[in-house]
C-alpha atoms as a PDB file:
ATOM      1  CA  UNK A   1       0.000   0.000   0.000  1.00  0.00           C
ATOM      2  CA  UNK A   2       2.796   2.425   0.877  1.00  0.00           C
ATOM      3  CA  UNK A   3       4.459   1.683  -2.448  1.00  0.00           C
ATOM      4  CA  UNK A   4       1.207   2.316  -4.346  1.00  0.00           C
ATOM      5  CA  UNK A   5       0.740   5.655  -2.591  1.00  0.00           C
ATOM      6  CA  UNK A   6       4.333   6.646  -3.340  1.00  0.00           C
ATOM      7  CA  UNK A   7       3.940   5.711  -7.009  1.00  0.00           C
ATOM      8  CA  UNK A   8       0.705   7.676  -7.205  1.00  0.00           C
ATOM      9  CA  UNK A   9       2.307  10.715  -5.550  1.00  0.00           C
ATOM     10  CA  UNK A  10       5.107  10.750  -8.135  1.00  0.00           C
ATOM     11  CA  UNK A  11       2.720  10.304 -11.052  1.00  0.00           C
ATOM     12  CA  UNK A  12       3.979   6.829 -11.915  1.00  0.00           C
ATOM     13  CA  UNK A  13       0.629   5.245 -11.084  1.00  0.00           C
ATOM     14  CA  UNK A  14      -2.707   6.736 -12.098  1.00  0.00           C
ATOM     15  CA  UNK A  15      -5.438   5.471  -9.726  1.00  0.00           C
ATOM     16  CA  UNK A  16      -8.217   7.021 -11.814  1.00  0.00           C
ATOM     17  CA  UNK A  17      -7.745   4.238 -14.372  1.00  0.00           C
ATOM     18  CA  UNK A  18      -9.010   1.784 -11.760  1.00  0.00           C
ATOM     19  CA  UNK A  19     -12.281   3.641 -11.031  1.00  0.00           C
ATOM     20  CA  UNK A  20     -15.234   2.060 -12.841  1.00  0.00           C
ATOM     21  CA  UNK A  21     -18.228   3.264 -10.810  1.00  0.00           C
ATOM     22  CA  UNK A  22     -19.278   6.549  -9.193  1.00  0.00           C
ATOM     23  CA  UNK A  23     -21.952   7.009  -6.542  1.00  0.00           C
ATOM     24  CA  UNK A  24     -23.203   9.100  -3.699  1.00  0.00           C
ATOM     25  CA  UNK A  25     -23.257   8.292  -0.014  1.00  0.00           C
ATOM     26  CA  UNK A  26     -26.775   6.909  -0.394  1.00  0.00           C
ATOM     27  CA  UNK A  27     -25.356   4.153  -2.632  1.00  0.00           C
ATOM     28  CA  UNK A  28     -23.071   2.763   0.084  1.00  0.00           C
ATOM     29  CA  UNK A  29     -25.380   0.236   1.817  1.00  0.00           C
ATOM     30  CA  UNK A  30     -26.468  -1.480  -1.392  1.00  0.00           C
ATOM     31  CA  UNK A  31     -22.934  -1.335  -2.794  1.00  0.00           C
ATOM     32  CA  UNK A  32     -21.409  -2.921   0.299  1.00  0.00           C
ATOM     33  CA  UNK A  33     -24.027  -5.664   0.429  1.00  0.00           C
ATOM     34  CA  UNK A  34     -23.633  -6.480  -3.268  1.00  0.00           C
ATOM     35  CA  UNK A  35     -19.942  -5.761  -3.803  1.00  0.00           C
ATOM     36  CA  UNK A  36     -19.007  -9.304  -4.870  1.00  0.00           C
ATOM     37  CA  UNK A  37     -21.678  -9.148  -7.589  1.00  0.00           C
ATOM     38  CA  UNK A  38     -20.760  -5.717  -8.980  1.00  0.00           C
ATOM     39  CA  UNK A  39     -18.294  -6.071 -11.852  1.00  0.00           C
ATOM     40  CA  UNK A  40     -15.434  -3.725 -12.563  1.00  0.00           C
ATOM     41  CA  UNK A  41     -12.769  -2.044 -10.531  1.00  0.00           C
ATOM     42  CA  UNK A  42     -12.925   0.577  -7.806  1.00  0.00           C
ATOM     43  CA  UNK A  43     -16.171   2.168  -6.709  1.00  0.00           C
ATOM     44  CA  UNK A  44     -15.745   5.861  -5.851  1.00  0.00           C
ATOM     45  CA  UNK A  45     -18.271   7.285  -3.386  1.00  0.00           C
ATOM     46  CA  UNK A  46     -18.806  11.000  -2.750  1.00  0.00           C
ATOM     47  CA  UNK A  47     -20.282  11.840   0.641  1.00  0.00           C
ATOM     48  CA  UNK A  48     -21.804  15.142  -0.503  1.00  0.00           C
ATOM     49  CA  UNK A  49     -23.610  13.553  -3.433  1.00  0.00           C
ATOM     50  CA  UNK A  50     -26.943  11.749  -3.722  1.00  0.00           C
ATOM     51  CA  UNK A  51     -26.593   9.359  -6.643  1.00  0.00           C
ATOM     52  CA  UNK A  52     -26.970   5.633  -7.238  1.00  0.00           C
ATOM     53  CA  UNK A  53     -23.796   3.696  -7.895  1.00  0.00           C
ATOM     54  CA  UNK A  54     -23.358   4.027 -11.647  1.00  0.00           C
ATOM     55  CA  UNK A  55     -20.805   2.514 -13.980  1.00  0.00           C
ATOM     56  CA  UNK A  56     -18.879   5.179 -15.881  1.00  0.00           C
ATOM     57  CA  UNK A  57     -19.541   3.103 -18.996  1.00  0.00           C
ATOM     58  CA  UNK A  58     -23.289   3.681 -18.443  1.00  0.00           C
ATOM     59  CA  UNK A  59     -23.128   7.485 -18.254  1.00  0.00           C
ATOM     60  CA  UNK A  60     -23.924   8.042 -21.950  1.00  0.00           C
ATOM     61  CA  UNK A  61     -26.994   5.787 -21.866  1.00  0.00           C
ATOM     62  CA  UNK A  62     -28.267   7.416 -18.661  1.00  0.00           C
ATOM     63  CA  UNK A  63     -27.480  10.790 -20.222  1.00  0.00           C
ATOM     64  CA  UNK A  64     -30.231  10.256 -22.771  1.00  0.00           C
ATOM     65  CA  UNK A  65     -32.745  11.068 -20.034  1.00  0.00           C
ATOM     66  CA  UNK A  66     -30.663  12.753 -17.306  1.00  0.00           C
ATOM     67  CA  UNK A  67     -28.668  15.943 -17.990  1.00  0.00           C
ATOM     68  CA  UNK A  68     -26.264  15.223 -15.109  1.00  0.00           C
ATOM     69  CA  UNK A  69     -25.144  11.988 -16.719  1.00  0.00           C
ATOM     70  CA  UNK A  70     -25.101  13.572 -20.182  1.00  0.00           C
ATOM     71  CA  UNK A  71     -22.497  16.091 -19.043  1.00  0.00           C
ATOM     72  CA  UNK A  72     -20.544  13.516 -17.026  1.00  0.00           C
ATOM     73  CA  UNK A  73     -20.437  11.299 -20.137  1.00  0.00           C
ATOM     74  CA  UNK A  74     -19.085  14.205 -22.187  1.00  0.00           C
ATOM     75  CA  UNK A  75     -16.433  14.991 -19.599  1.00  0.00           C
ATOM     76  CA  UNK A  76     -15.171  11.420 -19.224  1.00  0.00           C
ATOM     77  CA  UNK A  77     -15.233  10.963 -22.999  1.00  0.00           C
ATOM     78  CA  UNK A  78     -12.467  13.585 -23.169  1.00  0.00           C
ATOM     79  CA  UNK A  79     -10.244  11.174 -21.219  1.00  0.00           C
ATOM     80  CA  UNK A  80     -11.384   8.037 -23.041  1.00  0.00           C
ATOM     81  CA  UNK A  81     -13.827   6.937 -20.343  1.00  0.00           C
ATOM     82  CA  UNK A  82     -11.544   7.623 -17.393  1.00  0.00           C
ATOM     83  CA  UNK A  83     -12.861   9.479 -14.343  1.00  0.00           C
ATOM     84  CA  UNK A  84     -11.103  12.840 -14.179  1.00  0.00           C
ATOM     85  CA  UNK A  85     -10.809  16.089 -12.273  1.00  0.00           C
ATOM     86  CA  UNK A  86     -13.208  17.994 -14.537  1.00  0.00           C
ATOM     87  CA  UNK A  87     -15.924  15.355 -14.114  1.00  0.00           C
ATOM     88  CA  UNK A  88     -15.388  15.341 -10.357  1.00  0.00           C
ATOM     89  CA  UNK A  89     -15.615  19.134 -10.116  1.00  0.00           C
ATOM     90  CA  UNK A  90     -18.769  19.153 -12.222  1.00  0.00           C
ATOM     91  CA  UNK A  91     -20.401  16.428 -10.117  1.00  0.00           C
ATOM     92  CA  UNK A  92     -19.573  18.148  -6.842  1.00  0.00           C
ATOM     93  CA  UNK A  93     -20.757  21.531  -8.136  1.00  0.00           C
ATOM     94  CA  UNK A  94     -24.129  20.012  -9.071  1.00  0.00           C
ATOM     95  CA  UNK A  95     -24.620  19.028  -5.447  1.00  0.00           C
ATOM     96  CA  UNK A  96     -23.282  22.268  -3.986  1.00  0.00           C
ATOM     97  CA  UNK A  97     -20.207  20.655  -2.479  1.00  0.00           C
ATOM     98  CA  UNK A  98     -17.570  23.251  -1.616  1.00  0.00           C
ATOM     99  CA  UNK A  99     -14.207  22.034  -2.868  1.00  0.00           C
ATOM    100  CA  UNK A 100     -12.325  24.932  -1.342  1.00  0.00           C
ATOM    101  CA  UNK A 101     -11.380  26.709  -4.551  1.00  0.00           C
ATOM    102  CA  UNK A 102     -11.540  30.475  -4.692  1.00  0.00           C
ATOM    103  CA  UNK A 103     -14.067  31.955  -7.110  1.00  0.00           C
ATOM    104  CA  UNK A 104     -12.519  32.917 -10.423  1.00  0.00           C
END
């Protein structure tokens, strides 16, 4: 674990490539209970967000009826389906989560 953190800190390892699902705190109970049955890699949960656990690969399909997922799909498409800082900032902004950045 220490080696993985060190590699990540130096940019030699990119943990975002391992993230396959995004969800809000409300998704935790079901996710924990069903974890062995949920395919993919890491599940990233945001405590200031209300959102079902959703595979990044499903964002575009969900985006056909939900503008939040439409924009998230566009943002992750820019990084070939990889969760990224822009998608995270957008998601958090939609739920009014203060990320501590000064207004531009």
